[in-house]
Amino acid sequence: MKKIEAIIKPFKLDEVKDALHEIGLMGITVTEAKGFGRQKGHTELYRGAEYIIDFLPKVKLEIVCPDDMTERAVEAIMAAARTGRIGDGKIFITPVSEVIRIRTGERGPDAI
């Protein structure tokens, strides 16, 4: 099993969710996040005063899936989240050694 963490632009969340649902992934955890990468924020004007927004709004998705679905999930996220502009985000993939469903005690892929 693998855990996929994706940092994406907030307005792309619905498209990514739909793309993951189309390939058969049902479970997803979404967290609002703030951060910056190469774009290092931007400058805005408010009532004539200029100020810098260092941390841009992002959304963090966490998905645990079987090994055989990992590549399809990554491709679905990339296709749905890509705008072609800086700040589209990142995807991190890490191995998961065990999953346990609290309600039933199921373990492994059955618990996903």
Protein backbone atom coordinates (compact mmCIF):
# COMPACT_ATOMS: atom_id res chain seq x y z
CA MET A 1 0.00 0.00 0.00
CA LYS A 2 1.06 3.58 -0.61
CA LYS A 3 0.12 6.94 0.88
CA ILE A 4 -0.21 9.73 -1.65
CA GLU A 5 -0.01 13.28 -0.37
CA ALA A 6 -0.77 16.00 -2.89
CA ILE A 7 -0.55 19.74 -2.37
CA ILE A 8 -2.76 21.49 -4.94
CA LYS A 9 -4.47 24.79 -5.66
CA PRO A 10 -7.81 25.03 -3.80
CA PHE A 11 -9.93 25.69 -6.90
CA LYS A 12 -8.76 22.37 -8.39
CA LEU A 13 -10.10 20.26 -5.50
CA ASP A 14 -13.42 19.31 -7.13
CA GLU A 15 -11.74 18.30 -10.38
CA VAL A 16 -9.19 16.14 -8.55
CA LYS A 17 -11.89 14.56 -6.36
CA ASP A 18 -13.95 13.69 -9.46
CA ALA A 19 -10.90 12.26 -11.25
CA LEU A 20 -10.06 10.03 -8.27
CA HIS A 21 -13.67 8.89 -8.00
CA GLU A 22 -13.65 7.94 -11.71
CA ILE A 23 -10.72 5.55 -11.23
CA GLY A 24 -12.40 3.91 -8.24
CA LEU A 25 -10.76 5.59 -5.23
CA MET A 26 -13.36 6.40 -2.60
CA GLY A 27 -11.47 7.62 0.48
CA ILE A 28 -9.69 10.95 0.63
CA THR A 29 -8.69 13.30 3.44
CA VAL A 30 -8.57 17.02 2.66
CA THR A 31 -6.82 19.65 4.78
CA GLU A 32 -6.59 23.36 4.15
CA ALA A 33 -2.97 24.44 4.11
CA LYS A 34 -0.79 27.47 3.43
CA GLY A 35 2.63 27.48 1.90
CA PHE A 36 4.92 28.59 -0.87
CA GLY A 37 7.44 27.12 -3.20
CA ARG A 38 9.39 28.78 -5.97
CA GLN A 39 6.77 31.49 -6.43
CA LYS A 40 7.48 32.81 -2.89
CA GLY A 41 4.10 34.51 -2.52
CA HIS A 42 3.01 37.72 -4.19
CA THR A 43 2.37 41.42 -3.52
CA GLU A 44 -1.12 42.92 -3.18
CA LEU A 45 -2.52 46.40 -2.67
CA TYR A 46 -5.05 47.17 0.04
CA ARG A 47 -6.31 50.75 0.55
CA GLY A 48 -3.23 52.11 -1.13
CA ALA A 49 -0.80 50.11 1.00
CA GLU A 50 1.29 47.39 -0.55
CA TYR A 51 1.83 44.17 1.37
CA ILE A 52 3.34 40.78 0.68
CA ILE A 53 1.43 37.53 0.98
CA ASP A 54 4.12 34.97 1.82
CA PHE A 55 1.92 31.94 2.37
CA LEU A 56 -0.51 31.11 -0.40
CA PRO A 57 -3.67 29.05 0.22
CA LYS A 58 -3.30 25.39 -0.76
CA VAL A 59 -5.15 22.14 -0.19
CA LYS A 60 -3.47 18.96 1.02
CA LEU A 61 -4.97 15.64 -0.07
CA GLU A 62 -4.09 12.36 1.60
CA ILE A 63 -5.00 9.04 0.00
CA VAL A 64 -4.00 5.50 0.92
CA CYS A 65 -4.39 3.01 -1.91
CA PRO A 66 -3.19 -0.44 -3.01
CA ASP A 67 0.14 -0.53 -4.84
CA ASP A 68 -1.52 -1.40 -8.15
CA MET A 69 -3.67 1.78 -8.07
CA THR A 70 -0.90 4.21 -7.11
CA GLU A 71 0.21 5.16 -10.61
CA ARG A 72 -3.37 5.65 -11.86
CA ALA A 73 -4.12 7.83 -8.84
CA VAL A 74 -1.01 9.95 -9.40
CA GLU A 75 -1.83 10.38 -13.10
CA ALA A 76 -5.42 11.36 -12.25
CA ILE A 77 -4.22 13.96 -9.73
CA MET A 78 -1.64 15.39 -12.13
CA ALA A 79 -4.11 15.65 -15.02
CA ALA A 80 -6.84 17.26 -12.91
CA ALA A 81 -4.64 19.63 -10.86
CA ARG A 82 -2.38 20.92 -13.63
CA THR A 83 -2.87 24.51 -14.80
CA GLY A 84 0.54 24.87 -16.40
CA ARG A 85 1.41 27.82 -14.17
CA ILE A 86 3.80 28.04 -11.27
CA GLY A 87 2.37 26.81 -7.96
CA ASP A 88 0.42 23.82 -9.30
CA GLY A 89 1.73 21.78 -6.37
CA LYS A 90 3.57 18.59 -5.48
CA ILE A 91 2.81 14.90 -4.99
CA PHE A 92 4.58 12.77 -2.39
CA ILE A 93 4.35 8.96 -2.30
CA THR A 94 5.35 6.95 0.77
CA PRO A 95 4.98 3.26 1.68
CA VAL A 96 2.35 2.28 4.26
CA SER A 97 3.17 -0.79 6.33
CA GLU A 98 -0.23 -1.29 7.96
CA VAL A 99 -3.78 0.06 7.92
CA ILE A 100 -6.37 -0.78 10.57
CA ARG A 101 -10.06 0.10 10.38
CA ILE A 102 -11.00 1.13 13.91
CA ARG A 103 -14.69 0.14 13.67
CA THR A 104 -14.19 -3.46 12.53
CA GLY A 105 -10.54 -4.23 13.27
CA GLU A 106 -9.90 -5.09 9.60
CA ARG A 107 -6.27 -4.84 8.58
CA GLY A 108 -4.32 -4.28 5.39
CA PRO A 109 -5.99 -3.56 2.03
CA ASP A 110 -9.39 -4.60 3.41
CA ALA A 111 -9.22 -1.65 5.82
CA ILE A 112 -8.83 0.90 3.03
